[in-house]
Amino acid sequence: MTSLRTLGSSDLEVFPLSLGGNVFGWTADRTASFAVLDAYAAAGGNFVDTADAYTAWVDGNKGGESETLIGEWLTERGNRSDIVVATKVGAHPDYKGLSATTIKAAADASLQRLGTDYIDLYYTHFDDESVPVEEIIGTLDELVRAGKVRAIAASNISPERLQESLDLSDREGLARYVALQPHYNLVSRDTYEGPLQEVASRSGLAAVPYFALAAGFLTGKYRPGTKVESARSGRAEAYVGTERGDRVLTALDEIARTHGVQVPTVALAWLAAQPTVAAPIASARTLEQLPALLAVADLELTEAELAALTAASA
């Protein structure tokens, strides 16, 4: 039985891999989404990540499609209390930004789509620096007190604004961020490592990194001379053939062979072992993609292997 990890100072206990919901209602239809969610839950997974804006970028979608599918799955399976549902506010086409009015209206819309009366973990999707942290935290605190949200978190925020928010919560006794969702993986370390990671570490925040597999590059299927048919290939291909990308893949290949596991499992295991990281986020369009992600729960890399990957990705 995989041991669950506690998210920061909250009472939320999560599986060490968060299942990304950005593909639900986009590259995974209802049937495929339900199959992936079923298999994830059957393996002991309990931490599903989505956002109200998913998947507004798809032609004909309005945003909220991913939440709707997850909500229908929770209702059909009757397992709401077993699943830690994380969603986000601030980027939905109809609810942009983080004013008090927007946050409250967006939270109610998310609850309705998810078919539930509470959100376990509620992130500000992108910081809105036009709104004072007093207004943002004050509004999130109201949602927590109303029982609509269990814990709050931030994503895409500067170290300064994050610290300011935490200081305010401590000073005023308001709900306090327990987690942070940074862009962080073996080929993108600069956004998180440094001041942001220091604030998280000092303040006891859990990091739940997105793009944990660099939009698919760290699955190992993107190589020089290989063409991958994927809606996300544009992002992944940016790393193909770069010196850093090649070094990282070489190190991943070697360690994967040693352990008899797949490349993405090793990439996720490196991330999961980094300071402050509680659970990387990765998404699966199909059942075939899921086992390599779930396997991170059982793979512990040696100090030498972690060091080799860190050096390769420098």
C-alpha atoms as a PDB file:
ATOM      1  CA  MET A   1       0.000   0.000   0.000  1.00  0.00           C
ATOM      2  CA  THR A   2       1.536   3.313  -1.088  1.00  0.00           C
ATOM      3  CA  SER A   3       1.850   5.737   1.778  1.00  0.00           C
ATOM      4  CA  LEU A   4       0.033   9.015   1.308  1.00  0.00           C
ATOM      5  CA  ARG A   5       1.734  12.391   1.771  1.00  0.00           C
ATOM      6  CA  THR A   6       0.315  15.244   3.819  1.00  0.00           C
ATOM      7  CA  LEU A   7      -0.080  18.491   1.893  1.00  0.00           C
ATOM      8  CA  GLY A   8       1.763  21.164   3.848  1.00  0.00           C
ATOM      9  CA  SER A   9      -0.016  22.174   7.043  1.00  0.00           C
ATOM     10  CA  SER A  10      -3.420  20.905   5.816  1.00  0.00           C
ATOM     11  CA  ASP A  11      -5.178  17.695   6.807  1.00  0.00           C
ATOM     12  CA  LEU A  12      -5.253  16.572   3.152  1.00  0.00           C
ATOM     13  CA  GLU A  13      -3.454  13.280   2.532  1.00  0.00           C
ATOM     14  CA  VAL A  14      -2.592  12.603  -1.088  1.00  0.00           C
ATOM     15  CA  PHE A  15      -1.177   9.902  -3.347  1.00  0.00           C
ATOM     16  CA  PRO A  16       2.383  10.808  -4.506  1.00  0.00           C
ATOM     17  CA  LEU A  17       1.179  11.355  -8.085  1.00  0.00           C
ATOM     18  CA  SER A  18      -1.548  13.869  -8.853  1.00  0.00           C
ATOM     19  CA  LEU A  19      -3.601  12.991 -11.935  1.00  0.00           C
ATOM     20  CA  GLY A  20      -3.810  15.974 -14.284  1.00  0.00           C
ATOM     21  CA  GLY A  21      -7.280  16.761 -15.603  1.00  0.00           C
ATOM     22  CA  ASN A  22      -6.155  19.063 -18.437  1.00  0.00           C
ATOM     23  CA  VAL A  23      -6.756  16.301 -21.024  1.00  0.00           C
ATOM     24  CA  PHE A  24     -10.338  15.536 -19.944  1.00  0.00           C
ATOM     25  CA  GLY A  25     -12.715  17.016 -22.496  1.00  0.00           C
ATOM     26  CA  TRP A  26      -9.788  17.710 -24.843  1.00  0.00           C
ATOM     27  CA  THR A  27      -7.642  14.766 -25.987  1.00  0.00           C
ATOM     28  CA  ALA A  28      -9.586  12.337 -23.768  1.00  0.00           C
ATOM     29  CA  ASP A  29     -13.351  12.083 -24.302  1.00  0.00           C
ATOM     30  CA  ARG A  30     -15.821  11.039 -21.611  1.00  0.00           C
ATOM     31  CA  THR A  31     -15.220   7.286 -22.012  1.00  0.00           C
ATOM     32  CA  ALA A  32     -11.426   7.623 -22.016  1.00  0.00           C
ATOM     33  CA  SER A  33     -11.507  10.083 -19.087  1.00  0.00           C
ATOM     34  CA  PHE A  34     -13.655   7.746 -16.980  1.00  0.00           C
ATOM     35  CA  ALA A  35     -11.393   4.775 -17.807  1.00  0.00           C
ATOM     36  CA  VAL A  36      -8.266   6.678 -16.728  1.00  0.00           C
ATOM     37  CA  LEU A  37      -9.925   7.982 -13.550  1.00  0.00           C
ATOM     38  CA  ASP A  38     -11.160   4.466 -12.688  1.00  0.00           C
ATOM     39  CA  ALA A  39      -7.713   2.924 -13.155  1.00  0.00           C
ATOM     40  CA  TYR A  40      -6.007   5.709 -11.180  1.00  0.00           C
ATOM     41  CA  ALA A  41      -8.424   5.285  -8.255  1.00  0.00           C
ATOM     42  CA  ALA A  42      -8.130   1.477  -8.413  1.00  0.00           C
ATOM     43  CA  ALA A  43      -4.351   1.828  -7.999  1.00  0.00           C
ATOM     44  CA  GLY A  44      -4.847   3.878  -4.819  1.00  0.00           C
ATOM     45  CA  GLY A  45      -4.699   7.298  -6.490  1.00  0.00           C
ATOM     46  CA  ASN A  46      -6.818   9.968  -4.799  1.00  0.00           C
ATOM     47  CA  PHE A  47      -5.505  13.376  -5.970  1.00  0.00           C
ATOM     48  CA  VAL A  48      -7.109  14.826  -9.110  1.00  0.00           C
ATOM     49  CA  ASP A  49      -6.024  18.223 -10.444  1.00  0.00           C
ATOM     50  CA  THR A  50      -8.167  20.391 -12.692  1.00  0.00           C
ATOM     51  CA  ALA A  51      -9.080  24.061 -13.263  1.00  0.00           C
ATOM     52  CA  ASP A  52     -12.205  25.971 -14.217  1.00  0.00           C
ATOM     53  CA  ALA A  53     -10.440  27.104 -17.416  1.00  0.00           C
ATOM     54  CA  TYR A  54      -9.843  23.523 -18.675  1.00  0.00           C
ATOM     55  CA  THR A  55     -10.446  23.161 -21.630  1.00  0.00           C
ATOM     56  CA  ALA A  56     -11.428  26.589 -22.936  1.00  0.00           C
ATOM     57  CA  TRP A  57      -8.608  26.579 -25.534  1.00  0.00           C
ATOM     58  CA  VAL A  58     -10.334  23.858 -27.570  1.00  0.00           C
ATOM     59  CA  ASP A  59     -12.583  25.008 -30.422  1.00  0.00           C
ATOM     60  CA  GLY A  60     -16.213  24.843 -29.318  1.00  0.00           C
ATOM     61  CA  ASN A  61     -15.371  24.586 -25.598  1.00  0.00           C
ATOM     62  CA  LYS A  62     -16.219  27.283 -23.052  1.00  0.00           C
ATOM     63  CA  GLY A  63     -14.090  26.188 -20.086  1.00  0.00           C
ATOM     64  CA  GLY A  64     -15.284  23.917 -17.288  1.00  0.00           C
ATOM     65  CA  GLU A  65     -15.383  20.761 -19.452  1.00  0.00           C
ATOM     66  CA  SER A  66     -12.778  18.972 -17.315  1.00  0.00           C
ATOM     67  CA  GLU A  67     -14.571  19.830 -14.052  1.00  0.00           C
ATOM     68  CA  THR A  68     -17.872  18.649 -15.525  1.00  0.00           C
ATOM     69  CA  LEU A  69     -16.440  15.257 -16.520  1.00  0.00           C
ATOM     70  CA  ILE A  70     -14.762  14.799 -13.121  1.00  0.00           C
ATOM     71  CA  GLY A  71     -18.020  15.786 -11.407  1.00  0.00           C
ATOM     72  CA  GLU A  72     -20.006  13.258 -13.433  1.00  0.00           C
ATOM     73  CA  TRP A  73     -17.434  10.562 -12.633  1.00  0.00           C
ATOM     74  CA  LEU A  74     -17.543  11.333  -8.879  1.00  0.00           C
ATOM     75  CA  THR A  75     -21.347  11.199  -8.912  1.00  0.00           C
ATOM     76  CA  GLU A  76     -21.522   7.958 -10.913  1.00  0.00           C
ATOM     77  CA  ARG A  77     -18.895   6.227  -8.773  1.00  0.00           C
ATOM     78  CA  GLY A  78     -20.190   7.619  -5.467  1.00  0.00           C
ATOM     79  CA  ASN A  79     -16.619   8.163  -4.278  1.00  0.00           C
ATOM     80  CA  ARG A  80     -16.507  11.904  -3.580  1.00  0.00           C
ATOM     81  CA  SER A  81     -15.164  11.493  -0.034  1.00  0.00           C
ATOM     82  CA  ASP A  82     -12.291   9.284  -1.272  1.00  0.00           C
ATOM     83  CA  ILE A  83     -10.944  11.807  -3.776  1.00  0.00           C
ATOM     84  CA  VAL A  84      -8.977  15.003  -3.094  1.00  0.00           C
ATOM     85  CA  VAL A  85     -10.217  17.384  -5.785  1.00  0.00           C
ATOM     86  CA  ALA A  86      -8.004  20.353  -6.638  1.00  0.00           C
ATOM     87  CA  THR A  87      -9.251  23.073  -8.968  1.00  0.00           C
ATOM     88  CA  LYS A  88      -8.251  26.637  -9.784  1.00  0.00           C
ATOM     89  CA  VAL A  89      -9.696  30.125 -10.192  1.00  0.00           C
ATOM     90  CA  GLY A  90      -8.681  33.116 -12.267  1.00  0.00           C
ATOM     91  CA  ALA A  91      -8.314  31.976 -15.887  1.00  0.00           C
ATOM     92  CA  HIS A  92     -11.827  30.932 -16.983  1.00  0.00           C
ATOM     93  CA  PRO A  93     -12.962  33.174 -19.891  1.00  0.00           C
ATOM     94  CA  ASP A  94     -16.010  34.299 -17.861  1.00  0.00           C
ATOM     95  CA  TYR A  95     -14.170  34.623 -14.529  1.00  0.00           C
ATOM     96  CA  LYS A  96     -10.825  36.228 -15.231  1.00  0.00           C
ATOM     97  CA  GLY A  97      -8.683  37.654 -12.452  1.00  0.00           C
ATOM     98  CA  LEU A  98      -8.925  37.444  -8.686  1.00  0.00           C
ATOM     99  CA  SER A  99     -11.297  40.161  -7.512  1.00  0.00           C
ATOM    100  CA  ALA A 100     -13.552  39.157  -4.612  1.00  0.00           C
ATOM    101  CA  THR A 101     -16.636  39.057  -6.854  1.00  0.00           C
ATOM    102  CA  THR A 102     -14.877  36.925  -9.465  1.00  0.00           C
ATOM    103  CA  ILE A 103     -13.489  34.397  -6.970  1.00  0.00           C
ATOM    104  CA  LYS A 104     -16.869  33.902  -5.274  1.00  0.00           C
ATOM    105  CA  ALA A 105     -18.800  33.511  -8.537  1.00  0.00           C
ATOM    106  CA  ALA A 106     -16.144  31.200 -10.032  1.00  0.00           C
ATOM    107  CA  ALA A 107     -16.079  28.996  -6.916  1.00  0.00           C
ATOM    108  CA  ASP A 108     -19.861  28.538  -7.060  1.00  0.00           C
ATOM    109  CA  ALA A 109     -19.655  27.691 -10.774  1.00  0.00           C
ATOM    110  CA  SER A 110     -16.881  25.137 -10.110  1.00  0.00           C
ATOM    111  CA  LEU A 111     -18.888  23.535  -7.283  1.00  0.00           C
ATOM    112  CA  GLN A 112     -21.880  23.205  -9.577  1.00  0.00           C
ATOM    113  CA  ARG A 113     -19.856  21.586 -12.386  1.00  0.00           C
ATOM    114  CA  LEU A 114     -18.102  19.252  -9.944  1.00  0.00           C
ATOM    115  CA  GLY A 115     -21.467  18.290  -8.471  1.00  0.00           C
ATOM    116  CA  THR A 116     -20.192  18.767  -4.927  1.00  0.00           C
ATOM    117  CA  ASP A 117     -20.572  21.204  -2.051  1.00  0.00           C
ATOM    118  CA  TYR A 118     -16.843  21.522  -1.277  1.00  0.00           C
ATOM    119  CA  ILE A 119     -13.504  21.800  -3.087  1.00  0.00           C
ATOM    120  CA  ASP A 120     -10.600  20.109  -1.274  1.00  0.00           C
ATOM    121  CA  LEU A 121      -7.811  22.329  -2.606  1.00  0.00           C
ATOM    122  CA  TYR A 122      -8.515  25.661  -4.307  1.00  0.00           C
ATOM    123  CA  TYR A 123      -5.668  27.354  -6.210  1.00  0.00           C
ATOM    124  CA  THR A 124      -5.354  30.863  -7.540  1.00  0.00           C
ATOM    125  CA  HIS A 125      -4.415  29.835 -11.099  1.00  0.00           C
ATOM    126  CA  PHE A 126      -2.385  32.937 -11.983  1.00  0.00           C
ATOM    127  CA  ASP A 127      -1.683  35.730  -9.555  1.00  0.00           C
ATOM    128  CA  ASP A 128      -3.571  38.956 -10.315  1.00  0.00           C
ATOM    129  CA  GLU A 129      -1.275  41.740  -9.160  1.00  0.00           C
ATOM    130  CA  SER A 130      -3.986  44.341  -9.791  1.00  0.00           C
ATOM    131  CA  VAL A 131      -5.773  42.977  -6.705  1.00  0.00           C
ATOM    132  CA  PRO A 132      -4.271  43.466  -3.218  1.00  0.00           C
ATOM    133  CA  VAL A 133      -3.401  40.238  -1.390  1.00  0.00           C
ATOM    134  CA  GLU A 134      -5.778  41.387   1.389  1.00  0.00           C
ATOM    135  CA  GLU A 135      -8.720  41.051  -1.006  1.00  0.00           C
ATOM    136  CA  ILE A 136      -7.602  37.699  -2.440  1.00  0.00           C
ATOM    137  CA  ILE A 137      -6.795  36.027   0.882  1.00  0.00           C
ATOM    138  CA  GLY A 138      -9.809  37.618   2.577  1.00  0.00           C
ATOM    139  CA  THR A 139     -12.130  36.154  -0.071  1.00  0.00           C
ATOM    140  CA  LEU A 140     -10.489  32.717   0.027  1.00  0.00           C
ATOM    141  CA  ASP A 141     -10.799  32.790   3.817  1.00  0.00           C
ATOM    142  CA  GLU A 142     -14.552  33.458   3.460  1.00  0.00           C
ATOM    143  CA  LEU A 143     -14.871  30.379   1.215  1.00  0.00           C
ATOM    144  CA  VAL A 144     -13.044  28.252   3.788  1.00  0.00           C
ATOM    145  CA  ARG A 145     -15.230  29.549   6.629  1.00  0.00           C
ATOM    146  CA  ALA A 146     -18.353  28.876   4.542  1.00  0.00           C
ATOM    147  CA  GLY A 147     -17.219  25.248   4.115  1.00  0.00           C
ATOM    148  CA  LYS A 148     -16.963  25.587   0.332  1.00  0.00           C
ATOM    149  CA  VAL A 149     -13.178  25.073   0.332  1.00  0.00           C
ATOM    150  CA  ARG A 150     -11.048  22.904   2.639  1.00  0.00           C
ATOM    151  CA  ALA A 151      -7.598  24.341   1.874  1.00  0.00           C
ATOM    152  CA  ILE A 152      -6.112  27.035  -0.353  1.00  0.00           C
ATOM    153  CA  ALA A 153      -3.054  27.139  -2.594  1.00  0.00           C
ATOM    154  CA  ALA A 154      -1.325  29.304  -5.212  1.00  0.00           C
ATOM    155  CA  SER A 155       0.096  28.783  -8.691  1.00  0.00           C
ATOM    156  CA  ASN A 156       2.124  31.061 -10.976  1.00  0.00           C
ATOM    157  CA  ILE A 157       2.949  33.614  -8.295  1.00  0.00           C
ATOM    158  CA  SER A 158       6.082  35.620  -7.489  1.00  0.00           C
ATOM    159  CA  PRO A 159       8.069  34.852  -4.315  1.00  0.00           C
ATOM    160  CA  GLU A 160       7.291  38.384  -3.079  1.00  0.00           C
ATOM    161  CA  ARG A 161       3.517  38.117  -3.467  1.00  0.00           C
ATOM    162  CA  LEU A 162       3.529  34.611  -2.015  1.00  0.00           C
ATOM    163  CA  GLN A 163       5.420  35.786   1.078  1.00  0.00           C
ATOM    164  CA  GLU A 164       3.139  38.811   1.415  1.00  0.00           C
ATOM    165  CA  SER A 165       0.079  36.542   1.301  1.00  0.00           C
ATOM    166  CA  LEU A 166       1.505  34.156   3.926  1.00  0.00           C
ATOM    167  CA  ASP A 167       2.474  37.049   6.214  1.00  0.00           C
ATOM    168  CA  LEU A 168      -1.048  38.473   5.949  1.00  0.00           C
ATOM    169  CA  SER A 169      -2.635  35.106   6.821  1.00  0.00           C
ATOM    170  CA  ASP A 170      -0.340  34.708   9.842  1.00  0.00           C
ATOM    171  CA  ARG A 171      -0.910  38.265  11.027  1.00  0.00           C
ATOM    172  CA  GLU A 172      -4.699  38.304  10.610  1.00  0.00           C
ATOM    173  CA  GLY A 173      -5.421  34.651  11.416  1.00  0.00           C
ATOM    174  CA  LEU A 174      -6.853  34.026   7.948  1.00  0.00           C
ATOM    175  CA  ALA A 175      -6.788  30.878   5.814  1.00  0.00           C
ATOM    176  CA  ARG A 176      -3.194  30.276   4.712  1.00  0.00           C
ATOM    177  CA  TYR A 177      -1.807  28.742   1.535  1.00  0.00           C
ATOM    178  CA  VAL A 178      -0.765  25.117   2.156  1.00  0.00           C
ATOM    179  CA  ALA A 179       0.566  24.311  -1.308  1.00  0.00           C
ATOM    180  CA  LEU A 180       2.123  25.825  -4.378  1.00  0.00           C
ATOM    181  CA  GLN A 181       1.835  24.630  -7.984  1.00  0.00           C
ATOM    182  CA  PRO A 182       5.002  25.671  -9.814  1.00  0.00           C
ATOM    183  CA  HIS A 183       6.202  24.912 -13.352  1.00  0.00           C
ATOM    184  CA  TYR A 184       8.984  22.480 -12.486  1.00  0.00           C
ATOM    185  CA  ASN A 185      10.672  19.478 -14.110  1.00  0.00           C
ATOM    186  CA  LEU A 186      14.100  18.130 -15.111  1.00  0.00           C
ATOM    187  CA  VAL A 187      14.431  20.509 -18.067  1.00  0.00           C
ATOM    188  CA  SER A 188      12.715  23.537 -16.453  1.00  0.00           C
ATOM    189  CA  ARG A 189      14.211  24.162 -13.058  1.00  0.00           C
ATOM    190  CA  ASP A 190      14.768  27.927 -13.058  1.00  0.00           C
ATOM    191  CA  THR A 191      11.169  29.012 -12.384  1.00  0.00           C
ATOM    192  CA  TYR A 192      10.974  27.172  -9.087  1.00  0.00           C
ATOM    193  CA  GLU A 193      14.466  26.575  -7.714  1.00  0.00           C
ATOM    194  CA  GLY A 194      15.687  29.654  -5.881  1.00  0.00           C
ATOM    195  CA  PRO A 195      13.543  32.303  -4.129  1.00  0.00           C
ATOM    196  CA  LEU A 196      10.167  30.590  -4.745  1.00  0.00           C
ATOM    197  CA  GLN A 197      11.362  27.240  -3.410  1.00  0.00           C
ATOM    198  CA  GLU A 198      12.927  29.032  -0.440  1.00  0.00           C
ATOM    199  CA  VAL A 199       9.602  30.653   0.495  1.00  0.00           C
ATOM    200  CA  ALA A 200       7.836  27.284   0.162  1.00  0.00           C
ATOM    201  CA  SER A 201      10.452  25.505   2.258  1.00  0.00           C
ATOM    202  CA  ARG A 202      10.568  28.161   4.970  1.00  0.00           C
ATOM    203  CA  SER A 203       6.772  28.333   5.175  1.00  0.00           C
ATOM    204  CA  GLY A 204       6.060  24.590   5.102  1.00  0.00           C
ATOM    205  CA  LEU A 205       4.258  24.654   1.753  1.00  0.00           C
ATOM    206  CA  ALA A 206       3.939  21.498  -0.347  1.00  0.00           C
ATOM    207  CA  ALA A 207       4.911  21.826  -4.010  1.00  0.00           C
ATOM    208  CA  VAL A 208       2.697  20.098  -6.578  1.00  0.00           C
ATOM    209  CA  PRO A 209       4.575  20.741  -9.859  1.00  0.00           C
ATOM    210  CA  TYR A 210       2.788  21.046 -13.200  1.00  0.00           C
ATOM    211  CA  PHE A 211       4.387  20.152 -16.570  1.00  0.00           C
ATOM    212  CA  ALA A 212       6.180  17.472 -14.515  1.00  0.00           C
ATOM    213  CA  LEU A 213       6.995  15.652 -17.775  1.00  0.00           C
ATOM    214  CA  ALA A 214       7.719  18.836 -19.786  1.00  0.00           C
ATOM    215  CA  ALA A 215       4.554  18.482 -21.928  1.00  0.00           C
ATOM    216  CA  GLY A 216       5.596  14.919 -22.785  1.00  0.00           C
ATOM    217  CA  PHE A 217       9.294  15.438 -23.576  1.00  0.00           C
ATOM    218  CA  LEU A 218      10.335  13.531 -20.442  1.00  0.00           C
ATOM    219  CA  THR A 219       8.335  10.474 -21.485  1.00  0.00           C
ATOM    220  CA  GLY A 220      11.277   9.795 -23.817  1.00  0.00           C
ATOM    221  CA  LYS A 221       9.112   9.455 -26.933  1.00  0.00           C
ATOM    222  CA  TYR A 222      10.318  12.759 -28.399  1.00  0.00           C
ATOM    223  CA  ARG A 223      13.760  12.160 -29.936  1.00  0.00           C
ATOM    224  CA  PRO A 224      15.660  13.750 -32.827  1.00  0.00           C
ATOM    225  CA  GLY A 225      14.212  12.355 -36.066  1.00  0.00           C
ATOM    226  CA  THR A 226      11.022  11.062 -34.410  1.00  0.00           C
ATOM    227  CA  LYS A 227       7.633  12.553 -35.235  1.00  0.00           C
ATOM    228  CA  VAL A 228       5.020  12.308 -32.475  1.00  0.00           C
ATOM    229  CA  GLU A 229       1.344  12.859 -33.284  1.00  0.00           C
ATOM    230  CA  SER A 230       0.093  14.759 -30.248  1.00  0.00           C
ATOM    231  CA  ALA A 231      -1.884  17.920 -29.540  1.00  0.00           C
ATOM    232  CA  ARG A 232       0.931  18.909 -27.173  1.00  0.00           C
ATOM    233  CA  SER A 233       3.911  18.084 -29.393  1.00  0.00           C
ATOM    234  CA  GLY A 234       4.724  21.760 -30.061  1.00  0.00           C
ATOM    235  CA  ARG A 235       5.744  22.366 -26.443  1.00  0.00           C
ATOM    236  CA  ALA A 236       7.662  19.104 -26.083  1.00  0.00           C
ATOM    237  CA  GLU A 237       9.578  19.526 -29.335  1.00  0.00           C
ATOM    238  CA  ALA A 238      11.188  22.713 -27.996  1.00  0.00           C
ATOM    239  CA  TYR A 239      13.512  20.497 -25.911  1.00  0.00           C
ATOM    240  CA  VAL A 240      14.365  17.980 -28.657  1.00  0.00           C
ATOM    241  CA  GLY A 241      17.972  18.087 -29.823  1.00  0.00           C
ATOM    242  CA  THR A 242      19.057  20.644 -27.225  1.00  0.00           C
ATOM    243  CA  GLU A 243      22.239  19.852 -25.335  1.00  0.00           C
ATOM    244  CA  ARG A 244      20.424  19.799 -22.002  1.00  0.00           C
ATOM    245  CA  GLY A 245      17.541  17.727 -23.369  1.00  0.00           C
ATOM    246  CA  ASP A 246      19.924  15.125 -24.806  1.00  0.00           C
ATOM    247  CA  ARG A 247      21.928  14.888 -21.560  1.00  0.00           C
ATOM    248  CA  VAL A 248      18.762  14.411 -19.515  1.00  0.00           C
ATOM    249  CA  LEU A 249      17.359  11.693 -21.815  1.00  0.00           C
ATOM    250  CA  THR A 250      20.672   9.810 -21.762  1.00  0.00           C
ATOM    251  CA  ALA A 251      20.715   9.828 -17.945  1.00  0.00           C
ATOM    252  CA  LEU A 252      17.018   8.857 -17.769  1.00  0.00           C
ATOM    253  CA  ASP A 253      17.518   5.964 -20.225  1.00  0.00           C
ATOM    254  CA  GLU A 254      20.375   4.546 -18.173  1.00  0.00           C
ATOM    255  CA  ILE A 255      18.579   4.739 -14.814  1.00  0.00           C
ATOM    256  CA  ALA A 256      15.331   3.376 -16.306  1.00  0.00           C
ATOM    257  CA  ARG A 257      17.273   0.342 -17.607  1.00  0.00           C
ATOM    258  CA  THR A 258      18.869  -0.222 -14.192  1.00  0.00           C
ATOM    259  CA  HIS A 259      15.477  -0.319 -12.457  1.00  0.00           C
ATOM    260  CA  GLY A 260      13.550  -2.004 -15.258  1.00  0.00           C
ATOM    261  CA  VAL A 261      11.064   0.878 -15.398  1.00  0.00           C
ATOM    262  CA  GLN A 262       9.974   3.376 -18.040  1.00  0.00           C
ATOM    263  CA  VAL A 263      11.606   6.763 -18.657  1.00  0.00           C
ATOM    264  CA  PRO A 264       8.684   8.906 -17.348  1.00  0.00           C
ATOM    265  CA  THR A 265       8.726   6.976 -14.056  1.00  0.00           C
ATOM    266  CA  VAL A 266      12.346   8.031 -13.460  1.00  0.00           C
ATOM    267  CA  ALA A 267      11.678  11.663 -14.439  1.00  0.00           C
ATOM    268  CA  LEU A 268       8.780  11.805 -11.958  1.00  0.00           C
ATOM    269  CA  ALA A 269      10.815  10.050  -9.245  1.00  0.00           C
ATOM    270  CA  TRP A 270      13.552  12.709  -9.524  1.00  0.00           C
ATOM    271  CA  LEU A 271      10.907  15.418  -9.125  1.00  0.00           C
ATOM    272  CA  ALA A 272       9.152  13.657  -6.241  1.00  0.00           C
ATOM    273  CA  ALA A 273      12.493  13.484  -4.381  1.00  0.00           C
ATOM    274  CA  GLN A 274      13.162  17.243  -4.591  1.00  0.00           C
ATOM    275  CA  PRO A 275      12.804  19.390  -1.449  1.00  0.00           C
ATOM    276  CA  THR A 276       9.191  20.533  -0.752  1.00  0.00           C
ATOM    277  CA  VAL A 277       7.674  18.377  -3.563  1.00  0.00           C
ATOM    278  CA  ALA A 278       4.690  16.325  -2.353  1.00  0.00           C
ATOM    279  CA  ALA A 279       3.216  15.053  -5.626  1.00  0.00           C
ATOM    280  CA  PRO A 280       4.074  15.861  -9.245  1.00  0.00           C
ATOM    281  CA  ILE A 281       1.122  16.272 -11.638  1.00  0.00           C
ATOM    282  CA  ALA A 282       0.996  14.185 -14.802  1.00  0.00           C
ATOM    283  CA  SER A 283      -1.880  13.424 -17.134  1.00  0.00           C
ATOM    284  CA  ALA A 284      -2.797  10.331 -19.129  1.00  0.00           C
ATOM    285  CA  ARG A 285      -4.972  10.369 -22.242  1.00  0.00           C
ATOM    286  CA  THR A 286      -5.168   6.587 -22.368  1.00  0.00           C
ATOM    287  CA  LEU A 287      -4.990   3.624 -20.013  1.00  0.00           C
ATOM    288  CA  GLU A 288      -1.683   2.591 -21.624  1.00  0.00           C
ATOM    289  CA  GLN A 289       0.000   5.808 -20.436  1.00  0.00           C
ATOM    290  CA  LEU A 290      -1.045   5.416 -16.804  1.00  0.00           C
ATOM    291  CA  PRO A 291       1.144   2.583 -15.375  1.00  0.00           C
ATOM    292  CA  ALA A 292       4.403   4.491 -16.013  1.00  0.00           C
ATOM    293  CA  LEU A 293       3.002   7.449 -14.039  1.00  0.00           C
ATOM    294  CA  LEU A 294       1.634   5.388 -11.152  1.00  0.00           C
ATOM    295  CA  ALA A 295       4.953   3.542 -10.812  1.00  0.00           C
ATOM    296  CA  VAL A 296       6.540   6.685  -9.315  1.00  0.00           C
ATOM    297  CA  ALA A 297       4.888   5.701  -6.022  1.00  0.00           C
ATOM    298  CA  ASP A 298       7.165   2.633  -5.791  1.00  0.00           C
ATOM    299  CA  LEU A 299      10.425   3.904  -7.258  1.00  0.00           C
ATOM    300  CA  GLU A 300      13.069   5.305  -4.944  1.00  0.00           C
ATOM    301  CA  LEU A 301      16.195   6.547  -6.686  1.00  0.00           C
ATOM    302  CA  THR A 302      19.608   6.319  -5.005  1.00  0.00           C
ATOM    303  CA  GLU A 303      21.485   9.470  -3.996  1.00  0.00           C
ATOM    304  CA  ALA A 304      23.932   8.813  -6.868  1.00  0.00           C
ATOM    305  CA  GLU A 305      21.081   8.505  -9.399  1.00  0.00           C
ATOM    306  CA  LEU A 306      19.439  11.694  -8.185  1.00  0.00           C
ATOM    307  CA  ALA A 307      22.792  13.495  -8.368  1.00  0.00           C
ATOM    308  CA  ALA A 308      23.415  12.197 -11.911  1.00  0.00           C
ATOM    309  CA  LEU A 309      20.041  13.520 -13.087  1.00  0.00           C
ATOM    310  CA  THR A 310      20.538  16.847 -11.311  1.00  0.00           C
ATOM    311  CA  ALA A 311      23.941  17.237 -12.995  1.00  0.00           C
ATOM    312  CA  ALA A 312      22.592  16.238 -16.430  1.00  0.00           C
ATOM    313  CA  SER A 313      19.818  18.818 -16.148  1.00  0.00           C
ATOM    314  CA  ALA A 314      22.021  21.679 -14.902  1.00  0.00           C
END
